[in-house]
């Protein structure tokens, strides 16, 4: 398999509905691979992504850029109800931090 598919974001999770492990790729949300074994689910989705990218190249289609290669600004806008905004502003003031710092800390969750 081509090394470029190694840069994509893969995940294997359990599908209660299918009673199997499902391999997923964030850059190709329409693709999935079911297998009894999690390692086989990962191997299957990687092969499927490889086949898909090869097909896209042959058809002169744009192949998705891996998320790991993208540059992110660290900025995005979120709209909340005015009451939520007010409550967050109060919490930030009472905590002695900026609203931005408070919300950033609430969004950040340590990985397990």
PDB file of N, CA and C in Angstrom:
ATOM      1  N   UNK A   1       0.834  -1.194   0.000  1.00  0.00           N
ATOM      2  CA  UNK A   1       0.000   0.000   0.000  1.00  0.00           C
ATOM      3  C   UNK A   1       0.871   1.248   0.000  1.00  0.00           C
ATOM      4  N   UNK A   2       0.356   2.270  -0.582  1.00  0.00           N
ATOM      5  CA  UNK A   2       1.091   3.529  -0.635  1.00  0.00           C
ATOM      6  C   UNK A   2       1.217   4.134   0.760  1.00  0.00           C
ATOM      7  N   UNK A   3       2.359   4.746   1.022  1.00  0.00           N
ATOM      8  CA  UNK A   3       2.617   5.341   2.337  1.00  0.00           C
ATOM      9  C   UNK A   3       1.734   6.551   2.607  1.00  0.00           C
ATOM     10  N   UNK A   4       1.220   7.197   1.556  1.00  0.00           N
ATOM     11  CA  UNK A   4       0.417   8.399   1.787  1.00  0.00           C
ATOM     12  C   UNK A   4      -0.865   8.101   2.559  1.00  0.00           C
ATOM     13  N   UNK A   5      -1.373   6.889   2.499  1.00  0.00           N
ATOM     14  CA  UNK A   5      -2.584   6.580   3.267  1.00  0.00           C
ATOM     15  C   UNK A   5      -2.298   6.459   4.758  1.00  0.00           C
ATOM     16  N   UNK A   6      -1.007   6.335   5.128  1.00  0.00           N
ATOM     17  CA  UNK A   6      -0.637   6.254   6.540  1.00  0.00           C
ATOM     18  C   UNK A   6      -0.857   7.575   7.263  1.00  0.00           C
ATOM     19  N   UNK A   7      -1.037   8.649   6.526  1.00  0.00           N
ATOM     20  CA  UNK A   7      -1.229   9.968   7.135  1.00  0.00           C
ATOM     21  C   UNK A   7      -2.685  10.251   7.491  1.00  0.00           C
ATOM     22  N   UNK A   8      -3.587   9.406   7.042  1.00  0.00           N
ATOM     23  CA  UNK A   8      -4.999   9.626   7.331  1.00  0.00           C
ATOM     24  C   UNK A   8      -5.336   9.258   8.776  1.00  0.00           C
ATOM     25  N   UNK A   9      -6.490   9.702   9.225  1.00  0.00           N
ATOM     26  CA  UNK A   9      -6.924   9.514  10.604  1.00  0.00           C
ATOM     27  C   UNK A   9      -7.870   8.316  10.675  1.00  0.00           C
ATOM     28  N   UNK A  10      -7.403   7.238  11.260  1.00  0.00           N
ATOM     29  CA  UNK A  10      -8.191   6.010  11.356  1.00  0.00           C
ATOM     30  C   UNK A  10      -8.669   5.792  12.785  1.00  0.00           C
ATOM     31  N   UNK A  11      -9.788   5.098  12.876  1.00  0.00           N
ATOM     32  CA  UNK A  11     -10.307   4.726  14.191  1.00  0.00           C
ATOM     33  C   UNK A  11     -11.036   3.400  14.042  1.00  0.00           C
ATOM     34  N   UNK A  12     -10.924   2.570  15.047  1.00  0.00           N
ATOM     35  CA  UNK A  12     -11.677   1.312  15.098  1.00  0.00           C
ATOM     36  C   UNK A  12     -12.539   1.366  16.341  1.00  0.00           C
ATOM     37  N   UNK A  13     -13.805   1.095  16.167  1.00  0.00           N
ATOM     38  CA  UNK A  13     -14.748   1.111  17.281  1.00  0.00           C
ATOM     39  C   UNK A  13     -15.683  -0.083  17.153  1.00  0.00           C
ATOM     40  N   UNK A  14     -16.413  -0.340  18.201  1.00  0.00           N
ATOM     41  CA  UNK A  14     -17.364  -1.452  18.210  1.00  0.00           C
ATOM     42  C   UNK A  14     -18.705  -0.966  17.688  1.00  0.00           C
ATOM     43  N   UNK A  15     -19.340  -1.746  16.803  1.00  0.00           N
ATOM     44  CA  UNK A  15     -20.679  -1.456  16.312  1.00  0.00           C
ATOM     45  C   UNK A  15     -21.646  -2.421  16.979  1.00  0.00           C
ATOM     46  N   UNK A  16     -22.433  -1.890  17.904  1.00  0.00           N
ATOM     47  CA  UNK A  16     -23.422  -2.725  18.593  1.00  0.00           C
ATOM     48  C   UNK A  16     -24.447  -3.259  17.603  1.00  0.00           C
ATOM     49  N   UNK A  17     -24.811  -2.417  16.650  1.00  0.00           N
ATOM     50  CA  UNK A  17     -25.809  -2.807  15.638  1.00  0.00           C
ATOM     51  C   UNK A  17     -25.328  -3.988  14.800  1.00  0.00           C
ATOM     52  N   UNK A  18     -24.053  -3.958  14.386  1.00  0.00           N
ATOM     53  CA  UNK A  18     -23.518  -5.010  13.528  1.00  0.00           C
ATOM     54  C   UNK A  18     -22.857  -6.141  14.308  1.00  0.00           C
ATOM     55  N   UNK A  19     -22.619  -5.895  15.613  1.00  0.00           N
ATOM     56  CA  UNK A  19     -21.929  -6.869  16.463  1.00  0.00           C
ATOM     57  C   UNK A  19     -20.549  -7.225  15.898  1.00  0.00           C
ATOM     58  N   UNK A  20     -19.883  -6.186  15.364  1.00  0.00           N
ATOM     59  CA  UNK A  20     -18.531  -6.327  14.843  1.00  0.00           C
ATOM     60  C   UNK A  20     -17.783  -5.026  15.076  1.00  0.00           C
ATOM     61  N   UNK A  21     -16.480  -5.087  14.897  1.00  0.00           N
ATOM     62  CA  UNK A  21     -15.655  -3.882  14.944  1.00  0.00           C
ATOM     63  C   UNK A  21     -15.784  -3.177  13.597  1.00  0.00           C
ATOM     64  N   UNK A  22     -15.779  -1.857  13.637  1.00  0.00           N
ATOM     65  CA  UNK A  22     -15.877  -1.086  12.404  1.00  0.00           C
ATOM     66  C   UNK A  22     -14.660  -0.174  12.287  1.00  0.00           C
ATOM     67  N   UNK A  23     -14.005  -0.244  11.139  1.00  0.00           N
ATOM     68  CA  UNK A  23     -12.876   0.623  10.839  1.00  0.00           C
ATOM     69  C   UNK A  23     -13.387   1.846  10.102  1.00  0.00           C
ATOM     70  N   UNK A  24     -12.920   3.025  10.531  1.00  0.00           N
ATOM     71  CA  UNK A  24     -13.362   4.294   9.952  1.00  0.00           C
ATOM     72  C   UNK A  24     -12.161   5.145   9.592  1.00  0.00           C
ATOM     73  N   UNK A  25     -12.364   6.077   8.666  1.00  0.00           N
ATOM     74  CA  UNK A  25     -11.335   7.036   8.298  1.00  0.00           C
ATOM     75  C   UNK A  25     -11.998   8.406   8.255  1.00  0.00           C
ATOM     76  N   UNK A  26     -11.515   9.344   9.086  1.00  0.00           N
ATOM     77  CA  UNK A  26     -12.139  10.669   9.206  1.00  0.00           C
ATOM     78  C   UNK A  26     -12.182  11.417   7.880  1.00  0.00           C
ATOM     79  N   UNK A  27     -11.153  11.263   7.053  1.00  0.00           N
ATOM     80  CA  UNK A  27     -11.092  11.980   5.786  1.00  0.00           C
ATOM     81  C   UNK A  27     -12.016  11.387   4.723  1.00  0.00           C
ATOM     82  N   UNK A  28     -12.496  10.177   4.956  1.00  0.00           N
ATOM     83  CA  UNK A  28     -13.425   9.497   4.048  1.00  0.00           C
ATOM     84  C   UNK A  28     -14.635   9.018   4.847  1.00  0.00           C
ATOM     85  N   UNK A  29     -15.503   9.934   5.272  1.00  0.00           N
ATOM     86  CA  UNK A  29     -16.601   9.560   6.179  1.00  0.00           C
ATOM     87  C   UNK A  29     -17.618   8.582   5.595  1.00  0.00           C
ATOM     88  N   UNK A  30     -17.628   8.418   4.282  1.00  0.00           N
ATOM     89  CA  UNK A  30     -18.597   7.485   3.689  1.00  0.00           C
ATOM     90  C   UNK A  30     -18.071   6.051   3.648  1.00  0.00           C
ATOM     91  N   UNK A  31     -16.811   5.842   4.020  1.00  0.00           N
ATOM     92  CA  UNK A  31     -16.222   4.505   3.984  1.00  0.00           C
ATOM     93  C   UNK A  31     -16.174   3.882   5.377  1.00  0.00           C
ATOM     94  N   UNK A  32     -16.361   2.576   5.427  1.00  0.00           N
ATOM     95  CA  UNK A  32     -16.209   1.822   6.673  1.00  0.00           C
ATOM     96  C   UNK A  32     -15.907   0.373   6.325  1.00  0.00           C
ATOM     97  N   UNK A  33     -15.365  -0.350   7.318  1.00  0.00           N
ATOM     98  CA  UNK A  33     -15.035  -1.762   7.115  1.00  0.00           C
ATOM     99  C   UNK A  33     -15.371  -2.526   8.385  1.00  0.00           C
ATOM    100  N   UNK A  34     -16.183  -3.554   8.253  1.00  0.00           N
ATOM    101  CA  UNK A  34     -16.578  -4.375   9.388  1.00  0.00           C
ATOM    102  C   UNK A  34     -15.731  -5.649   9.456  1.00  0.00           C
ATOM    103  N   UNK A  35     -15.368  -6.029  10.678  1.00  0.00           N
ATOM    104  CA  UNK A  35     -14.619  -7.267  10.883  1.00  0.00           C
ATOM    105  C   UNK A  35     -14.821  -7.730  12.318  1.00  0.00           C
ATOM    106  N   UNK A  36     -14.676  -9.033  12.538  1.00  0.00           N
ATOM    107  CA  UNK A  36     -14.818  -9.587  13.886  1.00  0.00           C
ATOM    108  C   UNK A  36     -13.665  -9.151  14.786  1.00  0.00           C
ATOM    109  N   UNK A  37     -12.507  -8.916  14.202  1.00  0.00           N
ATOM    110  CA  UNK A  37     -11.295  -8.585  14.941  1.00  0.00           C
ATOM    111  C   UNK A  37     -10.930  -7.118  14.684  1.00  0.00           C
ATOM    112  N   UNK A  38     -10.572  -6.338  15.730  1.00  0.00           N
ATOM    113  CA  UNK A  38     -10.252  -4.921  15.513  1.00  0.00           C
ATOM    114  C   UNK A  38      -9.067  -4.702  14.573  1.00  0.00           C
ATOM    115  N   UNK A  39      -8.062  -5.569  14.628  1.00  0.00           N
ATOM    116  CA  UNK A  39      -6.916  -5.423  13.730  1.00  0.00           C
ATOM    117  C   UNK A  39      -7.332  -5.622  12.276  1.00  0.00           C
ATOM    118  N   UNK A  40      -8.260  -6.550  12.040  1.00  0.00           N
ATOM    119  CA  UNK A  40      -8.744  -6.773  10.673  1.00  0.00           C
ATOM    120  C   UNK A  40      -9.615  -5.612  10.194  1.00  0.00           C
ATOM    121  N   UNK A  41     -10.334  -4.982  11.110  1.00  0.00           N
ATOM    122  CA  UNK A  41     -11.129  -3.807  10.745  1.00  0.00           C
ATOM    123  C   UNK A  41     -10.208  -2.664  10.311  1.00  0.00           C
ATOM    124  N   UNK A  42      -9.091  -2.481  11.035  1.00  0.00           N
ATOM    125  CA  UNK A  42      -8.122  -1.444  10.652  1.00  0.00           C
ATOM    126  C   UNK A  42      -7.477  -1.780   9.311  1.00  0.00           C
ATOM    127  N   UNK A  43      -7.069  -3.021   9.151  1.00  0.00           N
ATOM    128  CA  UNK A  43      -6.449  -3.436   7.888  1.00  0.00           C
ATOM    129  C   UNK A  43      -7.428  -3.255   6.729  1.00  0.00           C
ATOM    130  N   UNK A  44      -8.682  -3.589   6.963  1.00  0.00           N
ATOM    131  CA  UNK A  44      -9.701  -3.465   5.913  1.00  0.00           C
ATOM    132  C   UNK A  44      -9.967  -2.028   5.494  1.00  0.00           C
ATOM    133  N   UNK A  45     -10.094  -1.125   6.465  1.00  0.00           N
ATOM    134  CA  UNK A  45     -10.371   0.272   6.116  1.00  0.00           C
ATOM    135  C   UNK A  45      -9.151   0.888   5.431  1.00  0.00           C
ATOM    136  N   UNK A  46      -7.948   0.530   5.868  1.00  0.00           N
ATOM    137  CA  UNK A  46      -6.747   1.050   5.213  1.00  0.00           C
ATOM    138  C   UNK A  46      -6.684   0.597   3.756  1.00  0.00           C
ATOM    139  N   UNK A  47      -7.006  -0.651   3.489  1.00  0.00           N
ATOM    140  CA  UNK A  47      -7.001  -1.159   2.116  1.00  0.00           C
ATOM    141  C   UNK A  47      -8.081  -0.464   1.291  1.00  0.00           C
ATOM    142  N   UNK A  48      -9.247  -0.261   1.886  1.00  0.00           N
ATOM    143  CA  UNK A  48     -10.343   0.412   1.194  1.00  0.00           C
ATOM    144  C   UNK A  48      -9.972   1.853   0.852  1.00  0.00           C
ATOM    145  N   UNK A  49      -9.336   2.556   1.784  1.00  0.00           N
ATOM    146  CA  UNK A  49      -8.884   3.931   1.522  1.00  0.00           C
ATOM    147  C   UNK A  49      -7.835   3.926   0.415  1.00  0.00           C
ATOM    148  N   UNK A  50      -6.918   2.979   0.462  1.00  0.00           N
ATOM    149  CA  UNK A  50      -5.902   2.863  -0.595  1.00  0.00           C
ATOM    150  C   UNK A  50      -6.572   2.685  -1.954  1.00  0.00           C
ATOM    151  N   UNK A  51      -7.509   1.738  -2.044  1.00  0.00           N
ATOM    152  CA  UNK A  51      -8.204   1.483  -3.307  1.00  0.00           C
ATOM    153  C   UNK A  51      -8.972   2.717  -3.773  1.00  0.00           C
ATOM    154  N   UNK A  52      -9.606   3.397  -2.837  1.00  0.00           N
ATOM    155  CA  UNK A  52     -10.393   4.581  -3.165  1.00  0.00           C
ATOM    156  C   UNK A  52      -9.494   5.703  -3.684  1.00  0.00           C
ATOM    157  N   UNK A  53      -8.363   5.941  -3.014  1.00  0.00           N
ATOM    158  CA  UNK A  53      -7.465   7.016  -3.462  1.00  0.00           C
ATOM    159  C   UNK A  53      -6.859   6.692  -4.823  1.00  0.00           C
ATOM    160  N   UNK A  54      -6.541   5.438  -5.056  1.00  0.00           N
ATOM    161  CA  UNK A  54      -6.022   5.039  -6.370  1.00  0.00           C
ATOM    162  C   UNK A  54      -7.065   5.298  -7.457  1.00  0.00           C
ATOM    163  N   UNK A  55      -8.302   4.930  -7.188  1.00  0.00           N
ATOM    164  CA  UNK A  55      -9.396   5.153  -8.130  1.00  0.00           C
ATOM    165  C   UNK A  55      -9.594   6.651  -8.388  1.00  0.00           C
ATOM    166  N   UNK A  56      -9.533   7.445  -7.324  1.00  0.00           N
ATOM    167  CA  UNK A  56      -9.696   8.897  -7.467  1.00  0.00           C
ATOM    168  C   UNK A  56      -8.572   9.482  -8.327  1.00  0.00           C
ATOM    169  N   UNK A  57      -7.356   9.029  -8.111  1.00  0.00           N
ATOM    170  CA  UNK A  57      -6.225   9.523  -8.918  1.00  0.00           C
ATOM    171  C   UNK A  57      -6.391   9.149 -10.381  1.00  0.00           C
ATOM    172  N   UNK A  58      -6.810   7.924 -10.640  1.00  0.00           N
ATOM    173  CA  UNK A  58      -7.003   7.476 -12.023  1.00  0.00           C
ATOM    174  C   UNK A  58      -8.096   8.281 -12.724  1.00  0.00           C
ATOM    175  N   UNK A  59      -9.060   8.766 -11.961  1.00  0.00           N
ATOM    176  CA  UNK A  59     -10.159   9.553 -12.532  1.00  0.00           C
ATOM    177  C   UNK A  59      -9.931  11.061 -12.400  1.00  0.00           C
ATOM    178  N   UNK A  60      -8.692  11.435 -12.082  1.00  0.00           N
ATOM    179  CA  UNK A  60      -8.318  12.844 -11.928  1.00  0.00           C
ATOM    180  C   UNK A  60      -9.207  13.598 -10.945  1.00  0.00           C
ATOM    181  N   UNK A  61      -9.599  12.914  -9.881  1.00  0.00           N
ATOM    182  CA  UNK A  61     -10.379  13.543  -8.818  1.00  0.00           C
ATOM    183  C   UNK A  61      -9.427  14.015  -7.723  1.00  0.00           C
ATOM    184  N   UNK A  62      -9.870  14.990  -6.951  1.00  0.00           N
ATOM    185  CA  UNK A  62      -9.071  15.504  -5.856  1.00  0.00           C
ATOM    186  C   UNK A  62      -9.131  14.535  -4.681  1.00  0.00           C
ATOM    187  N   UNK A  63      -7.960  14.083  -4.249  1.00  0.00           N
ATOM    188  CA  UNK A  63      -7.855  13.177  -3.103  1.00  0.00           C
ATOM    189  C   UNK A  63      -7.819  14.032  -1.839  1.00  0.00           C
ATOM    190  N   UNK A  64      -8.627  13.700  -0.828  1.00  0.00           N
ATOM    191  CA  UNK A  64      -8.636  14.500   0.411  1.00  0.00           C
ATOM    192  C   UNK A  64      -7.259  14.613   1.047  1.00  0.00           C
ATOM    193  N   UNK A  65      -6.971  15.798   1.565  1.00  0.00           N
ATOM    194  CA  UNK A  65      -5.724  16.034   2.288  1.00  0.00           C
ATOM    195  C   UNK A  65      -5.858  15.432   3.688  1.00  0.00           C
ATOM    196  N   UNK A  66      -4.831  14.760   4.172  1.00  0.00           N
ATOM    197  CA  UNK A  66      -4.898  14.232   5.543  1.00  0.00           C
ATOM    198  C   UNK A  66      -5.060  15.358   6.562  1.00  0.00           C
ATOM    199  N   UNK A  67      -5.887  15.146   7.567  1.00  0.00           N
ATOM    200  CA  UNK A  67      -6.072  16.151   8.615  1.00  0.00           C
ATOM    201  C   UNK A  67      -4.758  16.480   9.305  1.00  0.00           C
ATOM    202  N   UNK A  68      -3.875  15.496   9.421  1.00  0.00           N
ATOM    203  CA  UNK A  68      -2.582  15.711  10.072  1.00  0.00           C
ATOM    204  C   UNK A  68      -1.710  16.693   9.308  1.00  0.00           C
ATOM    205  N   UNK A  69      -1.948  16.867   8.017  1.00  0.00           N
ATOM    206  CA  UNK A  69      -1.149  17.771   7.185  1.00  0.00           C
ATOM    207  C   UNK A  69      -1.717  19.182   7.120  1.00  0.00           C
ATOM    208  N   UNK A  70      -2.968  19.345   7.524  1.00  0.00           N
ATOM    209  CA  UNK A  70      -3.611  20.654   7.439  1.00  0.00           C
ATOM    210  C   UNK A  70      -3.122  21.576   8.539  1.00  0.00           C
ATOM    211  N   UNK A  71      -3.099  22.861   8.234  1.00  0.00           N
ATOM    212  CA  UNK A  71      -2.758  23.886   9.211  1.00  0.00           C
ATOM    213  C   UNK A  71      -4.061  24.470   9.748  1.00  0.00           C
ATOM    214  N   UNK A  72      -4.179  24.557  11.065  1.00  0.00           N
ATOM    215  CA  UNK A  72      -5.371  25.105  11.691  1.00  0.00           C
ATOM    216  C   UNK A  72      -5.022  26.412  12.377  1.00  0.00           C
ATOM    217  N   UNK A  73      -5.910  27.403  12.271  1.00  0.00           N
ATOM    218  CA  UNK A  73      -5.657  28.728  12.837  1.00  0.00           C
ATOM    219  C   UNK A  73      -5.847  28.762  14.348  1.00  0.00           C
ATOM    220  N   UNK A  74      -6.650  27.845  14.878  1.00  0.00           N
ATOM    221  CA  UNK A  74      -6.957  27.882  16.298  1.00  0.00           C
ATOM    222  C   UNK A  74      -8.138  28.793  16.605  1.00  0.00           C
ATOM    223  N   UNK A  75      -8.776  29.299  15.570  1.00  0.00           N
ATOM    224  CA  UNK A  75      -9.921  30.187  15.761  1.00  0.00           C
ATOM    225  C   UNK A  75     -11.146  29.604  15.074  1.00  0.00           C
ATOM    226  N   UNK A  76     -12.275  29.676  15.756  1.00  0.00           N
ATOM    227  CA  UNK A  76     -13.554  29.359  15.136  1.00  0.00           C
ATOM    228  C   UNK A  76     -14.641  30.069  15.925  1.00  0.00           C
ATOM    229  N   UNK A  77     -15.747  30.349  15.260  1.00  0.00           N
ATOM    230  CA  UNK A  77     -16.821  31.085  15.907  1.00  0.00           C
ATOM    231  C   UNK A  77     -17.940  30.113  16.288  1.00  0.00           C
ATOM    232  N   UNK A  78     -18.429  30.285  17.480  1.00  0.00           N
ATOM    233  CA  UNK A  78     -19.536  29.464  17.965  1.00  0.00           C
ATOM    234  C   UNK A  78     -20.637  30.396  18.440  1.00  0.00           C
ATOM    235  N   UNK A  79     -21.830  30.180  17.976  1.00  0.00           N
ATOM    236  CA  UNK A  79     -22.962  30.992  18.424  1.00  0.00           C
ATOM    237  C   UNK A  79     -23.680  30.248  19.549  1.00  0.00           C
ATOM    238  N   UNK A  80     -23.963  30.974  20.620  1.00  0.00           N
ATOM    239  CA  UNK A  80     -24.672  30.406  21.763  1.00  0.00           C
ATOM    240  C   UNK A  80     -25.829  31.341  22.104  1.00  0.00           C
ATOM    241  N   UNK A  81     -26.814  30.851  22.813  1.00  0.00           N
ATOM    242  CA  UNK A  81     -27.907  31.738  23.248  1.00  0.00           C
ATOM    243  C   UNK A  81     -27.361  32.850  24.142  1.00  0.00           C
ATOM    244  N   UNK A  82     -27.959  34.037  24.095  1.00  0.00           N
ATOM    245  CA  UNK A  82     -27.491  35.153  24.918  1.00  0.00           C
ATOM    246  C   UNK A  82     -27.376  34.816  26.402  1.00  0.00           C
ATOM    247  N   UNK A  83     -28.294  34.038  26.934  1.00  0.00           N
ATOM    248  CA  UNK A  83     -28.238  33.671  28.350  1.00  0.00           C
ATOM    249  C   UNK A  83     -26.997  32.831  28.652  1.00  0.00           C
ATOM    250  N   UNK A  84     -26.654  31.921  27.756  1.00  0.00           N
ATOM    251  CA  UNK A  84     -25.445  31.115  27.925  1.00  0.00           C
ATOM    252  C   UNK A  84     -24.210  32.011  27.910  1.00  0.00           C
ATOM    253  N   UNK A  85     -24.184  32.965  26.987  1.00  0.00           N
ATOM    254  CA  UNK A  85     -23.080  33.915  26.891  1.00  0.00           C
ATOM    255  C   UNK A  85     -22.933  34.692  28.204  1.00  0.00           C
ATOM    256  N   UNK A  86     -24.043  35.155  28.730  1.00  0.00           N
ATOM    257  CA  UNK A  86     -24.031  35.908  29.984  1.00  0.00           C
ATOM    258  C   UNK A  86     -23.502  35.064  31.135  1.00  0.00           C
ATOM    259  N   UNK A  87     -24.003  33.830  31.248  1.00  0.00           N
ATOM    260  CA  UNK A  87     -23.567  32.948  32.330  1.00  0.00           C
ATOM    261  C   UNK A  87     -22.079  32.611  32.230  1.00  0.00           C
ATOM    262  N   UNK A  88     -21.598  32.397  31.008  1.00  0.00           N
ATOM    263  CA  UNK A  88     -20.176  32.126  30.822  1.00  0.00           C
ATOM    264  C   UNK A  88     -19.331  33.350  31.165  1.00  0.00           C
ATOM    265  N   UNK A  89     -19.812  34.531  30.787  1.00  0.00           N
ATOM    266  CA  UNK A  89     -19.082  35.769  31.111  1.00  0.00           C
ATOM    267  C   UNK A  89     -19.002  35.962  32.623  1.00  0.00           C
ATOM    268  N   UNK A  90     -20.079  35.664  33.320  1.00  0.00           N
ATOM    269  CA  UNK A  90     -20.081  35.769  34.779  1.00  0.00           C
ATOM    270  C   UNK A  90     -19.099  34.768  35.387  1.00  0.00           C
ATOM    271  N   UNK A  91     -19.137  33.529  34.898  1.00  0.00           N
ATOM    272  CA  UNK A  91     -18.226  32.504  35.410  1.00  0.00           C
ATOM    273  C   UNK A  91     -16.776  32.898  35.167  1.00  0.00           C
ATOM    274  N   UNK A  92     -16.484  33.446  33.997  1.00  0.00           N
ATOM    275  CA  UNK A  92     -15.115  33.873  33.687  1.00  0.00           C
ATOM    276  C   UNK A  92     -14.686  34.993  34.626  1.00  0.00           C
ATOM    277  N   UNK A  93     -15.564  35.985  34.837  1.00  0.00           N
ATOM    278  CA  UNK A  93     -15.232  37.110  35.724  1.00  0.00           C
ATOM    279  C   UNK A  93     -14.993  36.619  37.147  1.00  0.00           C
ATOM    280  N   UNK A  94     -15.850  35.724  37.621  1.00  0.00           N
ATOM    281  CA  UNK A  94     -15.691  35.199  38.973  1.00  0.00           C
ATOM    282  C   UNK A  94     -14.434  34.354  39.123  1.00  0.00           C
ATOM    283  N   UNK A  95     -13.996  33.748  38.024  1.00  0.00           N
ATOM    284  CA  UNK A  95     -12.785  32.922  38.052  1.00  0.00           C
ATOM    285  C   UNK A  95     -11.532  33.747  37.799  1.00  0.00           C
ATOM    286  N   UNK A  96     -11.717  34.988  37.411  1.00  0.00           N
ATOM    287  CA  UNK A  96     -10.571  35.860  37.144  1.00  0.00           C
ATOM    288  C   UNK A  96      -9.827  35.525  35.869  1.00  0.00           C
ATOM    289  N   UNK A  97     -10.542  34.968  34.895  1.00  0.00           N
ATOM    290  CA  UNK A  97      -9.922  34.630  33.602  1.00  0.00           C
ATOM    291  C   UNK A  97     -10.751  35.251  32.482  1.00  0.00           C
ATOM    292  N   UNK A  98     -10.172  35.306  31.303  1.00  0.00           N
ATOM    293  CA  UNK A  98     -10.914  35.826  30.154  1.00  0.00           C
ATOM    294  C   UNK A  98     -11.981  34.812  29.739  1.00  0.00           C
ATOM    295  N   UNK A  99     -12.980  35.302  29.042  1.00  0.00           N
ATOM    296  CA  UNK A  99     -14.028  34.425  28.518  1.00  0.00           C
ATOM    297  C   UNK A  99     -13.409  33.397  27.571  1.00  0.00           C
ATOM    298  N   UNK A 100     -12.462  33.841  26.756  1.00  0.00           N
ATOM    299  CA  UNK A 100     -11.784  32.939  25.823  1.00  0.00           C
ATOM    300  C   UNK A 100     -11.077  31.806  26.577  1.00  0.00           C
ATOM    301  N   UNK A 101     -10.349  32.147  27.643  1.00  0.00           N
ATOM    302  CA  UNK A 101      -9.619  31.127  28.400  1.00  0.00           C
ATOM    303  C   UNK A 101     -10.583  30.147  29.066  1.00  0.00           C
ATOM    304  N   UNK A 102     -11.677  30.652  29.611  1.00  0.00           N
ATOM    305  CA  UNK A 102     -12.668  29.788  30.258  1.00  0.00           C
ATOM    306  C   UNK A 102     -13.238  28.784  29.262  1.00  0.00           C
ATOM    307  N   UNK A 103     -13.668  29.282  28.108  1.00  0.00           N
ATOM    308  CA  UNK A 103     -14.291  28.398  27.110  1.00  0.00           C
ATOM    309  C   UNK A 103     -13.269  27.420  26.545  1.00  0.00           C
ATOM    310  N   UNK A 104     -12.050  27.894  26.317  1.00  0.00           N
ATOM    311  CA  UNK A 104     -10.999  27.008  25.826  1.00  0.00           C
ATOM    312  C   UNK A 104     -10.756  25.869  26.811  1.00  0.00           C
ATOM    313  N   UNK A 105     -10.741  26.188  28.106  1.00  0.00           N
ATOM    314  CA  UNK A 105     -10.520  25.133  29.104  1.00  0.00           C
ATOM    315  C   UNK A 105     -11.698  24.168  29.159  1.00  0.00           C
ATOM    316  N   UNK A 106     -12.902  24.652  28.903  1.00  0.00           N
ATOM    317  CA  UNK A 106     -14.064  23.764  28.903  1.00  0.00           C
ATOM    318  C   UNK A 106     -14.066  22.854  27.674  1.00  0.00           C
ATOM    319  N   UNK A 107     -13.529  23.343  26.552  1.00  0.00           N
ATOM    320  CA  UNK A 107     -13.482  22.536  25.333  1.00  0.00           C
ATOM    321  C   UNK A 107     -12.372  21.498  25.367  1.00  0.00           C
ATOM    322  N   UNK A 108     -11.294  21.826  26.059  1.00  0.00           N
ATOM    323  CA  UNK A 108     -10.145  20.928  26.100  1.00  0.00           C
ATOM    324  C   UNK A 108     -10.402  19.798  27.086  1.00  0.00           C
ATOM    325  N   UNK A 109     -10.288  18.576  26.591  1.00  0.00           N
ATOM    326  CA  UNK A 109     -10.434  17.399  27.442  1.00  0.00           C
ATOM    327  C   UNK A 109      -9.168  16.572  27.305  1.00  0.00           C
ATOM    328  N   UNK A 110      -8.494  16.264  28.406  1.00  0.00           N
ATOM    329  CA  UNK A 110      -7.285  15.421  28.311  1.00  0.00           C
ATOM    330  C   UNK A 110      -7.616  14.069  27.707  1.00  0.00           C
ATOM    331  N   UNK A 111      -6.705  13.556  26.901  1.00  0.00           N
ATOM    332  CA  UNK A 111      -6.880  12.228  26.292  1.00  0.00           C
ATOM    333  C   UNK A 111      -6.578  11.160  27.322  1.00  0.00           C
ATOM    334  N   UNK A 112      -7.276  10.087  27.206  1.00  0.00           N
ATOM    335  CA  UNK A 112      -7.046   8.965  28.128  1.00  0.00           C
ATOM    336  C   UNK A 112      -6.106   7.970  27.507  1.00  0.00           C
TER     337      UNK A 112
END
